[in-house]
Amino acid sequence: MDAAAVQKKLAERFGGSVGAVTDGRVEKAIEVDAGKIDRIAELLKSDPTLAFECLSNLSAVDYSDKGIIQVVYNLFSYKHRHELTVKVNADRANPVVPTVENTWPAANWMEREAYDLHGVVFSGHSDLRRILLPDDWIGYPLRKDYVEAPEYHGISTIRESMLDMPSRN
């Protein structure tokens, strides 16, 4: 099933919460209302004609100029051999998106990573805490306005640039 057919099926069920299919550089995507992603995810997995049983990737992108953090879900159906990209936009000042871990358990760690690096809060998540950085880390390193502190617990975070090092030849 192509993205247009999936979009039509979602729009029949969720109306204006489902946007049009957009062309990306690599794949087509459907943007949906962030507040309904959990219900949309359930339909994408459980509907036998869709059967997107695999969440192959979940990532976040900081669009600071637009004031949003976009969460991107890459889905695949082993049964039908089709794929889909779904995107949701969260307010950058308070990025909250319902978790999809009840639909795709693999989302647990992926959502924790998006929380850790972008600050996206996945409401309803079973264990939302940092996964890569220490619990007391300040800020979200993949946000465009992030400024790394010069030290962490007395350890310098400043590293000499490889470009400035003398050649070993």
N, C-alpha and C. Protein backbone atom coordinates (compact mmCIF):
# COMPACT_ATOMS: atom_id res chain seq x y z
N MET A 1 0.85 -1.17 0.00
CA MET A 1 0.00 0.00 0.00
C MET A 1 0.91 1.24 0.00
N ASP A 2 0.61 2.17 -0.86
CA ASP A 2 1.44 3.38 -0.92
C ASP A 2 0.99 4.40 0.12
N ALA A 3 1.81 5.45 0.30
CA ALA A 3 1.55 6.46 1.32
C ALA A 3 0.20 7.16 1.12
N ALA A 4 -0.19 7.39 -0.10
CA ALA A 4 -1.47 8.06 -0.38
C ALA A 4 -2.65 7.21 0.11
N ALA A 5 -2.57 5.91 -0.10
CA ALA A 5 -3.64 5.02 0.36
C ALA A 5 -3.68 4.95 1.89
N VAL A 6 -2.52 4.93 2.52
CA VAL A 6 -2.47 4.93 3.99
C VAL A 6 -3.04 6.24 4.52
N GLN A 7 -2.66 7.35 3.90
CA GLN A 7 -3.15 8.66 4.33
C GLN A 7 -4.67 8.72 4.23
N LYS A 8 -5.22 8.18 3.14
CA LYS A 8 -6.67 8.19 2.95
C LYS A 8 -7.36 7.39 4.06
N LYS A 9 -6.81 6.23 4.38
CA LYS A 9 -7.39 5.39 5.42
C LYS A 9 -7.33 6.08 6.79
N LEU A 10 -6.20 6.73 7.09
CA LEU A 10 -6.07 7.45 8.35
C LEU A 10 -7.01 8.65 8.42
N ALA A 11 -7.13 9.39 7.31
CA ALA A 11 -7.99 10.57 7.27
C ALA A 11 -9.46 10.19 7.45
N GLU A 12 -9.86 9.03 6.92
CA GLU A 12 -11.24 8.56 7.10
C GLU A 12 -11.55 8.36 8.58
N ARG A 13 -10.56 7.91 9.32
CA ARG A 13 -10.75 7.61 10.75
C ARG A 13 -10.49 8.82 11.65
N PHE A 14 -9.46 9.62 11.32
CA PHE A 14 -9.02 10.69 12.21
C PHE A 14 -9.22 12.09 11.65
N GLY A 15 -9.82 12.21 10.49
CA GLY A 15 -10.17 13.51 9.91
C GLY A 15 -9.01 14.47 9.77
N GLY A 16 -9.21 15.69 10.25
CA GLY A 16 -8.22 16.76 10.11
C GLY A 16 -6.96 16.57 10.93
N SER A 17 -6.89 15.52 11.74
CA SER A 17 -5.68 15.24 12.50
C SER A 17 -4.59 14.61 11.63
N VAL A 18 -4.96 14.31 10.38
CA VAL A 18 -4.02 13.67 9.46
C VAL A 18 -3.77 14.61 8.30
N GLY A 19 -2.51 14.96 8.09
CA GLY A 19 -2.16 15.86 7.00
C GLY A 19 -1.98 15.13 5.68
N ALA A 20 -1.64 15.90 4.68
CA ALA A 20 -1.40 15.34 3.35
C ALA A 20 -0.07 14.60 3.30
N VAL A 21 0.10 13.81 2.27
CA VAL A 21 1.38 13.14 2.03
C VAL A 21 2.35 14.19 1.49
N THR A 22 3.55 14.21 2.07
CA THR A 22 4.58 15.13 1.59
C THR A 22 5.77 14.34 1.05
N ASP A 23 6.41 14.90 0.06
CA ASP A 23 7.59 14.27 -0.52
C ASP A 23 8.83 14.74 0.21
N GLY A 24 9.59 13.80 0.71
CA GLY A 24 10.89 14.12 1.30
C GLY A 24 11.98 13.79 0.32
N ARG A 25 13.20 13.95 0.74
CA ARG A 25 14.33 13.61 -0.14
C ARG A 25 14.39 12.13 -0.45
N VAL A 26 14.01 11.32 0.54
CA VAL A 26 14.12 9.88 0.39
C VAL A 26 12.76 9.19 0.34
N GLU A 27 11.85 9.62 1.20
CA GLU A 27 10.56 8.94 1.29
C GLU A 27 9.42 9.92 1.41
N LYS A 28 8.24 9.41 1.23
CA LYS A 28 7.03 10.20 1.45
C LYS A 28 6.67 10.10 2.93
N ALA A 29 6.05 11.15 3.44
CA ALA A 29 5.71 11.16 4.86
C ALA A 29 4.29 11.71 5.05
N ILE A 30 3.71 11.35 6.19
CA ILE A 30 2.41 11.86 6.58
C ILE A 30 2.58 12.53 7.94
N GLU A 31 2.17 13.79 8.02
CA GLU A 31 2.22 14.50 9.30
C GLU A 31 0.87 14.35 9.98
N VAL A 32 0.91 13.99 11.27
CA VAL A 32 -0.33 13.80 12.03
C VAL A 32 -0.28 14.64 13.30
N ASP A 33 -1.44 14.86 13.89
CA ASP A 33 -1.55 15.62 15.12
C ASP A 33 -0.82 14.88 16.24
N ALA A 34 0.08 15.59 16.92
CA ALA A 34 0.90 14.97 17.98
C ALA A 34 0.04 14.35 19.08
N GLY A 35 -1.06 14.99 19.42
CA GLY A 35 -1.92 14.48 20.49
C GLY A 35 -2.62 13.18 20.18
N LYS A 36 -2.62 12.78 18.92
CA LYS A 36 -3.32 11.55 18.54
C LYS A 36 -2.38 10.46 18.03
N ILE A 37 -1.08 10.68 18.14
CA ILE A 37 -0.13 9.70 17.59
C ILE A 37 -0.30 8.32 18.22
N ASP A 38 -0.64 8.24 19.49
CA ASP A 38 -0.80 6.93 20.12
C ASP A 38 -1.95 6.14 19.50
N ARG A 39 -3.07 6.82 19.23
CA ARG A 39 -4.23 6.15 18.61
C ARG A 39 -3.98 5.83 17.15
N ILE A 40 -3.30 6.74 16.47
CA ILE A 40 -2.96 6.51 15.06
C ILE A 40 -1.98 5.35 14.95
N ALA A 41 -1.01 5.30 15.86
CA ALA A 41 -0.04 4.20 15.86
C ALA A 41 -0.74 2.85 16.03
N GLU A 42 -1.71 2.81 16.93
CA GLU A 42 -2.42 1.56 17.16
C GLU A 42 -3.14 1.09 15.91
N LEU A 43 -3.76 2.00 15.19
CA LEU A 43 -4.43 1.63 13.95
C LEU A 43 -3.41 1.18 12.89
N LEU A 44 -2.31 1.89 12.80
CA LEU A 44 -1.29 1.53 11.82
C LEU A 44 -0.77 0.11 12.04
N LYS A 45 -0.69 -0.31 13.29
CA LYS A 45 -0.21 -1.66 13.58
C LYS A 45 -1.32 -2.71 13.48
N SER A 46 -2.51 -2.40 14.01
CA SER A 46 -3.54 -3.43 14.14
C SER A 46 -4.40 -3.65 12.90
N ASP A 47 -4.53 -2.65 12.04
CA ASP A 47 -5.34 -2.83 10.84
C ASP A 47 -4.65 -3.85 9.92
N PRO A 48 -5.33 -4.94 9.57
CA PRO A 48 -4.69 -5.99 8.77
C PRO A 48 -4.22 -5.53 7.39
N THR A 49 -4.83 -4.49 6.85
CA THR A 49 -4.40 -4.01 5.53
C THR A 49 -3.16 -3.12 5.62
N LEU A 50 -2.85 -2.67 6.82
CA LEU A 50 -1.66 -1.83 7.05
C LEU A 50 -0.55 -2.66 7.68
N ALA A 51 -0.81 -3.23 8.85
CA ALA A 51 0.10 -4.13 9.56
C ALA A 51 1.52 -3.60 9.71
N PHE A 52 1.64 -2.35 10.15
CA PHE A 52 2.97 -1.80 10.42
C PHE A 52 3.41 -2.30 11.80
N GLU A 53 3.90 -3.53 11.82
CA GLU A 53 4.27 -4.14 13.09
C GLU A 53 5.66 -3.74 13.57
N CYS A 54 6.41 -3.05 12.74
CA CYS A 54 7.78 -2.69 13.11
C CYS A 54 8.01 -1.18 13.13
N LEU A 55 8.36 -0.67 14.29
CA LEU A 55 8.86 0.70 14.41
C LEU A 55 10.37 0.57 14.25
N SER A 56 10.86 0.85 13.05
CA SER A 56 12.29 0.65 12.80
C SER A 56 13.15 1.78 13.33
N ASN A 57 12.56 2.98 13.48
CA ASN A 57 13.32 4.10 14.02
C ASN A 57 12.36 5.18 14.51
N LEU A 58 12.78 5.85 15.56
CA LEU A 58 12.09 7.02 16.07
C LEU A 58 13.18 8.04 16.36
N SER A 59 13.05 9.22 15.81
CA SER A 59 14.05 10.25 16.02
C SER A 59 13.36 11.60 16.19
N ALA A 60 14.14 12.60 16.55
CA ALA A 60 13.61 13.95 16.72
C ALA A 60 14.51 14.93 15.99
N VAL A 61 13.90 16.02 15.53
CA VAL A 61 14.63 17.06 14.81
C VAL A 61 14.22 18.40 15.41
N ASP A 62 15.20 19.24 15.70
CA ASP A 62 14.93 20.56 16.25
C ASP A 62 14.81 21.57 15.12
N TYR A 63 13.61 22.08 14.92
CA TYR A 63 13.38 23.17 13.97
C TYR A 63 13.17 24.44 14.79
N SER A 64 14.26 24.97 15.31
CA SER A 64 14.18 26.13 16.21
C SER A 64 13.57 27.34 15.51
N ASP A 65 13.82 27.48 14.22
CA ASP A 65 13.26 28.62 13.48
C ASP A 65 11.74 28.55 13.37
N LYS A 66 11.18 27.34 13.46
CA LYS A 66 9.72 27.16 13.40
C LYS A 66 9.12 27.00 14.79
N GLY A 67 9.97 26.90 15.81
CA GLY A 67 9.48 26.74 17.18
C GLY A 67 8.93 25.35 17.48
N ILE A 68 9.43 24.34 16.75
CA ILE A 68 8.94 22.98 16.97
C ILE A 68 10.09 21.98 17.10
N ILE A 69 9.79 20.90 17.76
CA ILE A 69 10.60 19.69 17.73
C ILE A 69 9.74 18.68 16.98
N GLN A 70 10.27 18.13 15.92
CA GLN A 70 9.50 17.16 15.13
C GLN A 70 9.97 15.75 15.49
N VAL A 71 9.00 14.90 15.82
CA VAL A 71 9.30 13.49 16.10
C VAL A 71 8.95 12.71 14.84
N VAL A 72 9.89 11.87 14.40
CA VAL A 72 9.76 11.14 13.15
C VAL A 72 9.73 9.64 13.45
N TYR A 73 8.71 8.98 12.94
CA TYR A 73 8.52 7.54 13.13
C TYR A 73 8.69 6.85 11.78
N ASN A 74 9.64 5.93 11.68
CA ASN A 74 9.83 5.13 10.46
C ASN A 74 9.25 3.75 10.72
N LEU A 75 8.25 3.39 9.92
CA LEU A 75 7.51 2.14 10.13
C LEU A 75 7.71 1.19 8.96
N PHE A 76 7.58 -0.10 9.26
CA PHE A 76 7.71 -1.12 8.22
C PHE A 76 6.73 -2.25 8.49
N SER A 77 6.17 -2.80 7.42
CA SER A 77 5.30 -3.97 7.51
C SER A 77 6.00 -5.15 6.86
N TYR A 78 6.33 -6.13 7.67
CA TYR A 78 6.93 -7.35 7.12
C TYR A 78 5.90 -8.14 6.31
N LYS A 79 4.67 -8.08 6.75
CA LYS A 79 3.60 -8.82 6.08
C LYS A 79 3.36 -8.30 4.66
N HIS A 80 3.29 -6.98 4.51
CA HIS A 80 2.97 -6.38 3.20
C HIS A 80 4.19 -5.81 2.48
N ARG A 81 5.33 -5.76 3.17
CA ARG A 81 6.57 -5.23 2.58
C ARG A 81 6.43 -3.77 2.15
N HIS A 82 5.71 -3.00 2.96
CA HIS A 82 5.63 -1.56 2.68
C HIS A 82 6.14 -0.78 3.89
N GLU A 83 6.50 0.48 3.64
CA GLU A 83 7.05 1.31 4.70
C GLU A 83 6.36 2.67 4.71
N LEU A 84 6.51 3.36 5.83
CA LEU A 84 5.85 4.64 5.99
C LEU A 84 6.63 5.50 6.97
N THR A 85 6.67 6.79 6.71
CA THR A 85 7.23 7.74 7.66
C THR A 85 6.09 8.62 8.16
N VAL A 86 5.97 8.71 9.48
CA VAL A 86 4.95 9.54 10.12
C VAL A 86 5.68 10.58 10.95
N LYS A 87 5.20 11.84 10.87
CA LYS A 87 5.83 12.93 11.61
C LYS A 87 4.81 13.65 12.46
N VAL A 88 5.26 14.07 13.65
CA VAL A 88 4.43 14.91 14.51
C VAL A 88 5.26 16.11 14.96
N ASN A 89 4.60 17.24 15.14
CA ASN A 89 5.26 18.45 15.60
C ASN A 89 4.84 18.76 17.02
N ALA A 90 5.84 19.02 17.86
CA ALA A 90 5.59 19.39 19.25
C ALA A 90 6.13 20.80 19.48
N ASP A 91 5.44 21.55 20.30
CA ASP A 91 5.87 22.90 20.65
C ASP A 91 7.25 22.83 21.29
N ARG A 92 8.20 23.56 20.73
CA ARG A 92 9.58 23.50 21.22
C ARG A 92 9.69 23.95 22.67
N ALA A 93 8.86 24.88 23.09
CA ALA A 93 8.90 25.37 24.47
C ALA A 93 8.43 24.31 25.47
N ASN A 94 7.59 23.40 25.04
CA ASN A 94 7.07 22.35 25.90
C ASN A 94 6.71 21.14 25.04
N PRO A 95 7.73 20.42 24.55
CA PRO A 95 7.47 19.31 23.63
C PRO A 95 6.93 18.06 24.34
N VAL A 96 5.63 17.87 24.24
CA VAL A 96 4.98 16.71 24.87
C VAL A 96 4.24 15.94 23.78
N VAL A 97 4.50 14.64 23.72
CA VAL A 97 3.89 13.75 22.73
C VAL A 97 3.51 12.46 23.45
N PRO A 98 2.33 11.90 23.21
CA PRO A 98 1.99 10.62 23.84
C PRO A 98 2.96 9.51 23.40
N THR A 99 3.26 8.62 24.32
CA THR A 99 4.15 7.50 24.00
C THR A 99 3.47 6.52 23.04
N VAL A 100 4.27 5.83 22.24
CA VAL A 100 3.76 4.76 21.39
C VAL A 100 4.33 3.40 21.83
N GLU A 101 4.93 3.37 23.03
CA GLU A 101 5.55 2.12 23.48
C GLU A 101 4.53 1.02 23.75
N ASN A 102 3.28 1.37 23.98
CA ASN A 102 2.26 0.33 24.16
C ASN A 102 1.96 -0.37 22.84
N THR A 103 2.18 0.32 21.74
CA THR A 103 1.97 -0.27 20.41
C THR A 103 3.24 -0.97 19.93
N TRP A 104 4.36 -0.28 20.04
CA TRP A 104 5.65 -0.82 19.63
C TRP A 104 6.59 -0.75 20.83
N PRO A 105 6.81 -1.86 21.53
CA PRO A 105 7.69 -1.84 22.71
C PRO A 105 9.09 -1.29 22.43
N ALA A 106 9.57 -1.42 21.21
CA ALA A 106 10.89 -0.89 20.86
C ALA A 106 10.97 0.62 21.03
N ALA A 107 9.82 1.29 21.08
CA ALA A 107 9.80 2.74 21.25
C ALA A 107 10.34 3.16 22.61
N ASN A 108 10.36 2.25 23.58
CA ASN A 108 10.80 2.60 24.92
C ASN A 108 12.17 3.29 24.90
N TRP A 109 13.17 2.64 24.37
CA TRP A 109 14.52 3.21 24.37
C TRP A 109 14.64 4.35 23.37
N MET A 110 13.94 4.26 22.25
CA MET A 110 14.01 5.34 21.26
C MET A 110 13.42 6.63 21.81
N GLU A 111 12.31 6.52 22.52
CA GLU A 111 11.71 7.71 23.13
C GLU A 111 12.60 8.26 24.24
N ARG A 112 13.23 7.38 24.98
CA ARG A 112 14.16 7.86 26.01
C ARG A 112 15.32 8.63 25.38
N GLU A 113 15.80 8.19 24.24
CA GLU A 113 16.88 8.90 23.55
C GLU A 113 16.41 10.28 23.08
N ALA A 114 15.20 10.35 22.51
CA ALA A 114 14.67 11.64 22.07
C ALA A 114 14.44 12.57 23.25
N TYR A 115 14.06 12.02 24.38
CA TYR A 115 13.92 12.81 25.60
C TYR A 115 15.29 13.33 26.06
N ASP A 116 16.25 12.44 26.10
CA ASP A 116 17.58 12.76 26.59
C ASP A 116 18.28 13.83 25.76
N LEU A 117 18.16 13.73 24.44
CA LEU A 117 18.92 14.60 23.56
C LEU A 117 18.15 15.82 23.05
N HIS A 118 16.80 15.74 23.03
CA HIS A 118 15.99 16.86 22.53
C HIS A 118 15.02 17.42 23.56
N GLY A 119 14.78 16.70 24.64
CA GLY A 119 13.85 17.17 25.66
C GLY A 119 12.40 16.88 25.39
N VAL A 120 12.11 15.95 24.49
CA VAL A 120 10.71 15.59 24.21
C VAL A 120 10.19 14.71 25.34
N VAL A 121 9.09 15.12 25.94
CA VAL A 121 8.47 14.35 27.00
C VAL A 121 7.39 13.47 26.38
N PHE A 122 7.51 12.16 26.56
CA PHE A 122 6.54 11.22 26.02
C PHE A 122 5.59 10.83 27.14
N SER A 123 4.42 11.48 27.15
CA SER A 123 3.45 11.23 28.22
C SER A 123 2.98 9.79 28.19
N GLY A 124 2.89 9.20 29.38
CA GLY A 124 2.47 7.81 29.50
C GLY A 124 3.60 6.81 29.37
N HIS A 125 4.82 7.29 29.14
CA HIS A 125 5.98 6.39 29.01
C HIS A 125 6.23 5.69 30.34
N SER A 126 6.61 4.42 30.29
CA SER A 126 6.76 3.63 31.51
C SER A 126 8.03 3.95 32.31
N ASP A 127 9.03 4.55 31.68
CA ASP A 127 10.30 4.77 32.37
C ASP A 127 11.09 5.90 31.71
N LEU A 128 10.48 7.07 31.62
CA LEU A 128 11.11 8.18 30.90
C LEU A 128 12.20 8.81 31.76
N ARG A 129 13.44 8.48 31.42
CA ARG A 129 14.61 9.05 32.07
C ARG A 129 15.76 9.03 31.07
N ARG A 130 16.81 9.73 31.39
CA ARG A 130 17.95 9.80 30.47
C ARG A 130 18.49 8.40 30.21
N ILE A 131 18.99 8.22 28.98
CA ILE A 131 19.53 6.91 28.60
C ILE A 131 21.00 7.00 28.19
N LEU A 132 21.45 8.15 27.72
CA LEU A 132 22.83 8.32 27.28
C LEU A 132 23.65 9.21 28.21
N LEU A 133 23.02 10.21 28.76
CA LEU A 133 23.71 11.20 29.59
C LEU A 133 23.41 10.96 31.07
N PRO A 134 24.28 11.46 31.95
CA PRO A 134 24.02 11.31 33.39
C PRO A 134 22.72 12.01 33.79
N ASP A 135 22.11 11.53 34.85
CA ASP A 135 20.83 12.07 35.31
C ASP A 135 20.88 13.56 35.61
N ASP A 136 22.04 14.07 36.04
CA ASP A 136 22.13 15.48 36.42
C ASP A 136 22.64 16.37 35.27
N TRP A 137 22.67 15.85 34.06
CA TRP A 137 23.11 16.65 32.90
C TRP A 137 22.12 17.78 32.67
N ILE A 138 22.63 18.94 32.34
CA ILE A 138 21.76 20.09 32.12
C ILE A 138 21.62 20.34 30.62
N GLY A 139 20.40 20.41 30.15
CA GLY A 139 20.13 20.73 28.76
C GLY A 139 19.99 19.51 27.87
N TYR A 140 19.78 19.80 26.58
CA TYR A 140 19.51 18.77 25.59
C TYR A 140 20.46 18.99 24.41
N PRO A 141 21.52 18.20 24.30
CA PRO A 141 22.63 18.46 23.38
C PRO A 141 22.29 18.53 21.89
N LEU A 142 21.19 17.97 21.44
CA LEU A 142 20.89 18.04 20.01
C LEU A 142 19.96 19.19 19.64
N ARG A 143 19.66 20.03 20.61
CA ARG A 143 18.92 21.25 20.28
C ARG A 143 19.90 22.27 19.70
N LYS A 144 19.45 23.02 18.75
CA LYS A 144 20.34 23.93 18.03
C LYS A 144 20.90 25.05 18.91
N ASP A 145 20.22 25.38 19.98
CA ASP A 145 20.71 26.45 20.85
C ASP A 145 21.50 25.93 22.05
N TYR A 146 21.80 24.64 22.07
CA TYR A 146 22.52 24.05 23.20
C TYR A 146 23.95 24.58 23.25
N VAL A 147 24.37 24.96 24.46
CA VAL A 147 25.74 25.39 24.69
C VAL A 147 26.31 24.48 25.77
N GLU A 148 27.35 23.77 25.41
CA GLU A 148 27.96 22.84 26.36
C GLU A 148 28.71 23.60 27.45
N ALA A 149 28.54 23.17 28.69
CA ALA A 149 29.27 23.78 29.80
C ALA A 149 30.76 23.46 29.64
N PRO A 150 31.63 24.34 30.10
CA PRO A 150 33.07 24.10 29.94
C PRO A 150 33.58 22.93 30.77
N GLU A 151 32.80 22.53 31.79
CA GLU A 151 33.20 21.36 32.58
C GLU A 151 31.99 20.68 33.17
N TYR A 152 32.18 19.42 33.53
CA TYR A 152 31.13 18.63 34.17
C TYR A 152 31.77 17.96 35.40
N HIS A 153 31.32 18.33 36.57
CA HIS A 153 31.87 17.81 37.84
C HIS A 153 33.39 17.92 37.89
N GLY A 154 33.91 19.06 37.46
CA GLY A 154 35.35 19.30 37.51
C GLY A 154 36.14 18.70 36.37
N ILE A 155 35.47 18.05 35.44
CA ILE A 155 36.13 17.45 34.28
C ILE A 155 35.91 18.36 33.09
N SER A 156 36.98 18.75 32.43
CA SER A 156 36.87 19.65 31.29
C SER A 156 36.11 18.97 30.15
N THR A 157 35.25 19.73 29.52
CA THR A 157 34.55 19.22 28.34
C THR A 157 35.15 19.79 27.06
N ILE A 158 36.19 20.58 27.21
CA ILE A 158 36.84 21.20 26.05
C ILE A 158 37.90 20.25 25.51
N ARG A 159 37.81 19.97 24.26
CA ARG A 159 38.76 19.07 23.61
C ARG A 159 39.51 19.83 22.52
N GLU A 160 40.77 19.52 22.40
CA GLU A 160 41.57 20.13 21.35
C GLU A 160 41.06 19.65 20.00
N SER A 161 40.98 20.55 19.04
CA SER A 161 40.51 20.19 17.72
C SER A 161 41.54 19.32 17.01
N MET A 162 41.08 18.27 16.38
CA MET A 162 41.97 17.40 15.60
C MET A 162 42.63 18.19 14.47
N LEU A 163 41.96 19.22 14.02
CA LEU A 163 42.51 20.03 12.92
C LEU A 163 43.68 20.88 13.36
N ASP A 164 43.74 21.19 14.66
CA ASP A 164 44.82 22.03 15.18
C ASP A 164 46.02 21.22 15.67
N MET A 165 45.90 19.91 15.70
CA MET A 165 47.00 19.06 16.20
C MET A 165 48.09 18.94 15.15
N PRO A 166 49.34 18.85 15.61
CA PRO A 166 50.44 18.68 14.64
C PRO A 166 50.36 17.30 13.97
N SER A 167 50.82 17.27 12.75
CA SER A 167 50.81 16.03 11.98
C SER A 167 51.82 15.04 12.56
N ARG A 168 51.50 13.77 12.52
CA ARG A 168 52.39 12.72 13.03
C ARG A 168 53.21 12.08 11.92
N ASN A 169 53.17 12.62 10.74
CA ASN A 169 53.91 12.04 9.61
C ASN A 169 55.36 12.39 9.66
